[in-house]
Amino acid sequence: MTEALLETRGLVKRYGPHTVLNGIDLHIAPGQMTCLVGASGSGKSTLLKCLNLLEPIDDGQILLGEEDISEPGRDPQPLRQRIGMVFQSYNLFPHMTALENALLAPRRVHRKPRTEFLPAIEALFERFGLSAHMHHYPDQLSGGQQQRVAIVRALAMKPQVMLFDEITSALDPELVGEVLDVLRQLRAEGMTMILATHEMAFARELADTICFLDGGRVIEQAPPAAFFTAPEHARTRAFLARVL
């Protein structure tokens, strides 16, 4: 097995008496795209938040390379620079232009003038078809453009891993494609990614591994060909019968 870039071992997350994640084991190789699928409430978003250290875990480990990043008391901020995350909502600052939104975190973290970061960030806007919109404010952008700006903002920190939490769910159907095209490009460039998604056709096309979550557990992990054509578990088959 290829050495993992990101790994969870027996990850458990509880909210009071309710166990949301119950012994999650993931092995994410460098350059791999892993899609998390499952019904709402199955634990996909909570898992991503745990991986980004937005939620503390109750048991188990999260390893980035060989480093246990889930140890209690660790400062999460340096680790979040290495694990970027994009949410359903764009969370752009409305009083800042798209470019200013993307420059904010690198400047605050590294305490250098904007000229240090401007060429690389402008190149990101160019890559994702946003050059003409860099100086627009969020309310001047479509939902798809705002979500692409959010992706640029996360990539501006040069993360090792990117997490995406249902990033097309708030978009009108005609805007979904332009955001998925960004993910296709990142996939081609070898970015390590974990996506919670309902876009089954996209997962089937590009994922290396699909993980089906149900009740806070990973019920099945498989490459797309096996997952969609020959799922092993009855629960997986029932889920696919509803969503395909």
Protein backbone atom coordinates (compact mmCIF):
# COMPACT_ATOMS: atom_id res chain seq x y z
CA MET A 1 0.00 0.00 0.00
CA THR A 2 1.24 3.51 -0.85
CA GLU A 3 2.35 5.48 2.18
CA ALA A 4 -0.44 7.76 3.40
CA LEU A 5 -0.23 11.54 3.29
CA LEU A 6 -3.30 11.80 5.53
CA GLU A 7 -4.64 8.99 7.69
CA THR A 8 -7.20 8.44 10.42
CA ARG A 9 -7.08 5.54 12.85
CA GLY A 10 -10.16 4.69 14.86
CA LEU A 11 -11.42 8.29 14.79
CA VAL A 12 -14.32 8.91 17.16
CA LYS A 13 -16.32 12.11 17.53
CA ARG A 14 -19.19 12.57 19.98
CA TYR A 15 -21.62 15.39 20.68
CA GLY A 16 -22.83 14.66 24.18
CA PRO A 17 -24.31 11.16 24.20
CA HIS A 18 -24.49 11.03 20.39
CA THR A 19 -21.58 9.35 18.58
CA VAL A 20 -21.29 11.06 15.18
CA LEU A 21 -18.15 9.26 14.00
CA ASN A 22 -17.52 5.78 15.28
CA GLY A 23 -14.10 4.36 14.48
CA ILE A 24 -13.23 5.94 11.11
CA ASP A 25 -10.17 4.53 9.35
CA LEU A 26 -9.00 6.37 6.23
CA HIS A 27 -5.79 6.05 4.22
CA ILE A 28 -5.28 8.92 1.76
CA ALA A 29 -2.29 8.54 -0.55
CA PRO A 30 -0.55 11.58 -2.09
CA GLY A 31 -2.39 12.82 -5.17
CA GLN A 32 -5.47 10.74 -4.40
CA MET A 33 -9.03 12.02 -4.69
CA THR A 34 -11.34 10.43 -2.12
CA CYS A 35 -15.08 11.09 -2.29
CA LEU A 36 -17.19 10.74 0.84
CA VAL A 37 -20.76 9.83 0.00
CA GLY A 38 -23.79 9.03 2.12
CA ALA A 39 -27.10 10.42 3.28
CA SER A 40 -27.34 13.71 5.15
CA GLY A 41 -26.35 13.16 8.76
CA SER A 42 -24.03 10.27 7.99
CA GLY A 43 -20.99 12.14 9.33
CA LYS A 44 -19.30 13.42 6.14
CA SER A 45 -19.10 17.09 7.10
CA THR A 46 -18.11 16.32 10.69
CA LEU A 47 -15.29 14.11 9.43
CA LEU A 48 -13.92 16.92 7.26
CA LYS A 49 -14.10 19.38 10.16
CA CYS A 50 -12.18 16.93 12.34
CA LEU A 51 -9.52 16.55 9.64
CA ASN A 52 -9.14 20.35 9.53
CA LEU A 53 -9.06 20.47 13.36
CA LEU A 54 -12.19 22.60 13.48
CA GLU A 55 -13.66 19.95 15.77
CA PRO A 56 -11.67 18.09 18.45
CA ILE A 57 -11.86 14.31 18.32
CA ASP A 58 -12.74 12.10 21.27
CA ASP A 59 -10.62 9.08 20.37
CA GLY A 60 -8.28 7.82 17.69
CA GLN A 61 -5.62 9.61 15.66
CA ILE A 62 -5.25 11.91 12.66
CA LEU A 63 -1.86 11.62 10.99
CA LEU A 64 -0.44 14.05 8.45
CA GLY A 65 2.52 12.15 7.11
CA GLU A 66 3.96 10.61 10.25
CA GLU A 67 2.86 13.48 12.49
CA ASP A 68 -0.05 12.99 14.87
CA ILE A 69 -1.89 16.28 14.42
CA SER A 70 -4.73 15.34 16.76
CA GLU A 71 -2.70 15.43 19.95
CA PRO A 72 -4.48 17.55 22.60
CA GLY A 73 -3.12 21.02 23.12
CA ARG A 74 -1.63 21.48 19.67
CA ASP A 75 -1.98 24.85 17.99
CA PRO A 76 -4.28 24.13 15.01
CA GLN A 77 -3.39 27.22 12.99
CA PRO A 78 -0.08 26.03 11.47
CA LEU A 79 -1.72 22.71 10.58
CA ARG A 80 -4.67 24.41 8.86
CA GLN A 81 -2.16 26.03 6.52
CA ARG A 82 -1.26 22.52 5.38
CA ILE A 83 -4.86 21.27 5.14
CA GLY A 84 -7.09 23.70 3.24
CA MET A 85 -10.87 23.57 3.41
CA VAL A 86 -13.71 24.96 1.30
CA PHE A 87 -17.26 24.95 2.64
CA GLN A 88 -20.77 24.89 1.19
CA SER A 89 -21.09 28.62 1.87
CA TYR A 90 -18.42 30.77 0.32
CA ASN A 91 -17.62 32.77 3.49
CA LEU A 92 -16.04 35.61 1.53
CA PHE A 93 -15.69 38.95 3.29
CA PRO A 94 -18.26 41.18 1.56
CA HIS A 95 -16.26 44.40 2.06
CA MET A 96 -13.20 42.98 0.28
CA THR A 97 -12.62 42.30 -3.39
CA ALA A 98 -11.99 38.75 -4.57
CA LEU A 99 -8.26 39.47 -4.69
CA GLU A 100 -8.22 40.99 -1.21
CA ASN A 101 -10.06 37.93 0.13
CA ALA A 102 -7.39 35.66 -1.33
CA LEU A 103 -4.48 37.79 -0.08
CA LEU A 104 -5.73 38.14 3.48
CA ALA A 105 -4.60 34.83 5.02
CA PRO A 106 -1.10 34.66 3.46
CA ARG A 107 -0.37 38.23 4.52
CA ARG A 108 -1.60 37.68 8.09
CA VAL A 109 0.23 34.39 8.51
CA HIS A 110 3.54 35.33 6.90
CA ARG A 111 3.48 39.07 7.73
CA LYS A 112 4.91 40.12 4.39
CA PRO A 113 3.76 42.81 1.94
CA ARG A 114 1.14 41.93 -0.63
CA THR A 115 3.71 42.22 -3.42
CA GLU A 116 5.32 39.03 -2.09
CA PHE A 117 2.15 37.02 -2.79
CA LEU A 118 0.50 38.92 -5.62
CA PRO A 119 2.08 37.11 -8.63
CA ALA A 120 1.23 33.62 -7.35
CA ILE A 121 -2.31 34.56 -6.40
CA GLU A 122 -2.95 36.37 -9.66
CA ALA A 123 -1.77 33.19 -11.39
CA LEU A 124 -4.40 31.22 -9.47
CA PHE A 125 -7.12 33.60 -10.62
CA GLU A 126 -5.87 33.17 -14.17
CA ARG A 127 -5.83 29.36 -13.90
CA PHE A 128 -9.45 29.23 -12.84
CA GLY A 129 -10.84 31.77 -15.28
CA LEU A 130 -11.26 34.57 -12.77
CA SER A 131 -8.76 37.19 -13.92
CA ALA A 132 -11.52 39.56 -15.02
CA HIS A 133 -13.19 39.33 -11.62
CA MET A 134 -10.25 39.82 -9.24
CA HIS A 135 -11.27 43.35 -8.33
CA HIS A 136 -14.98 42.63 -7.99
CA TYR A 137 -16.74 42.36 -4.65
CA PRO A 138 -18.56 39.13 -3.73
CA ASP A 139 -22.01 40.60 -4.42
CA GLN A 140 -20.85 41.33 -7.98
CA LEU A 141 -20.04 37.66 -8.60
CA SER A 142 -22.21 34.65 -9.37
CA GLY A 143 -22.38 31.79 -6.91
CA GLY A 144 -20.04 29.71 -9.06
CA GLN A 145 -17.54 32.56 -9.26
CA GLN A 146 -17.68 33.09 -5.50
CA GLN A 147 -17.05 29.40 -4.88
CA ARG A 148 -14.08 29.45 -7.26
CA VAL A 149 -12.71 32.47 -5.38
CA ALA A 150 -13.09 30.49 -2.15
CA ILE A 151 -11.03 27.70 -3.71
CA VAL A 152 -8.37 30.19 -4.83
CA ARG A 153 -8.28 31.60 -1.29
CA ALA A 154 -7.64 28.14 0.16
CA LEU A 155 -5.00 27.33 -2.45
CA ALA A 156 -3.20 30.61 -1.75
CA MET A 157 -1.84 29.00 1.43
CA LYS A 158 -0.23 26.21 -0.67
CA PRO A 159 -1.79 23.34 1.31
CA GLN A 160 -0.72 19.72 1.06
CA VAL A 161 -4.32 18.49 1.23
CA MET A 162 -7.63 20.08 0.23
CA LEU A 163 -10.98 19.31 1.84
CA PHE A 164 -14.25 20.19 0.09
CA ASP A 165 -17.58 20.03 1.94
CA GLU A 166 -20.50 19.79 -0.52
CA ILE A 167 -19.17 22.80 -2.38
CA THR A 168 -21.74 22.61 -5.18
CA SER A 169 -24.83 22.08 -3.00
CA ALA A 170 -25.68 25.80 -2.75
CA LEU A 171 -25.25 26.47 -6.47
CA ASP A 172 -27.82 26.64 -9.23
CA PRO A 173 -27.47 23.58 -11.49
CA GLU A 174 -25.99 25.56 -14.39
CA LEU A 175 -23.15 26.80 -12.13
CA VAL A 176 -22.15 23.40 -10.76
CA GLY A 177 -20.10 22.49 -13.82
CA GLU A 178 -17.72 25.43 -13.57
CA VAL A 179 -16.81 24.52 -9.99
CA LEU A 180 -16.38 20.83 -10.81
CA ASP A 181 -14.06 21.84 -13.65
CA VAL A 182 -11.77 23.44 -11.06
CA LEU A 183 -11.67 20.14 -9.18
CA ARG A 184 -10.88 18.30 -12.41
CA GLN A 185 -7.94 20.62 -12.95
CA LEU A 186 -6.67 20.13 -9.40
CA ARG A 187 -7.06 16.37 -9.84
CA ALA A 188 -4.98 16.49 -13.02
CA GLU A 189 -2.30 18.49 -11.22
CA GLY A 190 -2.00 15.88 -8.46
CA MET A 191 -3.61 17.72 -5.55
CA THR A 192 -4.58 15.41 -2.68
CA MET A 193 -8.30 15.94 -2.08
CA ILE A 194 -11.13 14.67 0.09
CA LEU A 195 -14.65 15.64 -0.99
CA ALA A 196 -18.00 15.23 0.65
CA THR A 197 -20.31 15.21 -2.33
CA HIS A 198 -23.69 14.28 -3.74
CA GLU A 199 -22.36 14.54 -7.31
CA MET A 200 -22.31 10.83 -8.07
CA ALA A 201 -21.42 11.16 -11.75
CA PHE A 202 -18.44 13.31 -10.84
CA ALA A 203 -17.32 10.85 -8.15
CA ARG A 204 -17.63 7.98 -10.59
CA GLU A 205 -15.57 9.86 -13.19
CA LEU A 206 -12.65 11.12 -11.11
CA ALA A 207 -12.40 9.58 -7.65
CA ASP A 208 -9.66 7.12 -6.81
CA THR A 209 -11.64 5.85 -3.84
CA ILE A 210 -15.24 6.24 -2.74
CA CYS A 211 -16.10 5.92 0.94
CA PHE A 212 -19.72 5.32 1.84
CA LEU A 213 -20.58 6.57 5.33
CA ASP A 214 -23.67 5.54 7.24
CA GLY A 215 -24.38 6.14 10.91
CA GLY A 216 -20.89 7.49 11.53
CA ARG A 217 -19.10 4.46 10.10
CA VAL A 218 -17.38 3.74 6.82
CA ILE A 219 -19.57 0.94 5.48
CA GLU A 220 -17.68 0.45 2.23
CA GLN A 221 -14.51 1.75 0.55
CA ALA A 222 -13.79 0.89 -3.07
CA PRO A 223 -12.65 2.28 -6.41
CA PRO A 224 -15.55 3.73 -8.42
CA ALA A 225 -15.83 0.78 -10.80
CA ALA A 226 -16.37 -1.66 -7.95
CA PHE A 227 -18.41 0.71 -5.81
CA PHE A 228 -21.00 1.50 -8.47
CA THR A 229 -21.18 -1.84 -10.27
CA ALA A 230 -20.57 -4.43 -7.57
CA PRO A 231 -21.05 -3.00 -4.07
CA GLU A 232 -20.49 -5.60 -1.36
CA HIS A 233 -22.88 -4.37 1.32
CA ALA A 234 -26.68 -4.33 1.22
CA ARG A 235 -26.70 -0.87 2.82
CA THR A 236 -24.54 0.46 -0.01
CA ARG A 237 -26.80 -1.11 -2.61
CA ALA A 238 -29.87 0.46 -1.00
CA PHE A 239 -28.21 3.88 -0.99
CA LEU A 240 -27.19 3.64 -4.64
CA ALA A 241 -30.68 2.52 -5.62
CA ARG A 242 -32.03 5.79 -4.23
CA VAL A 243 -29.45 8.20 -5.63
CA LEU A 244 -28.71 6.82 -9.10
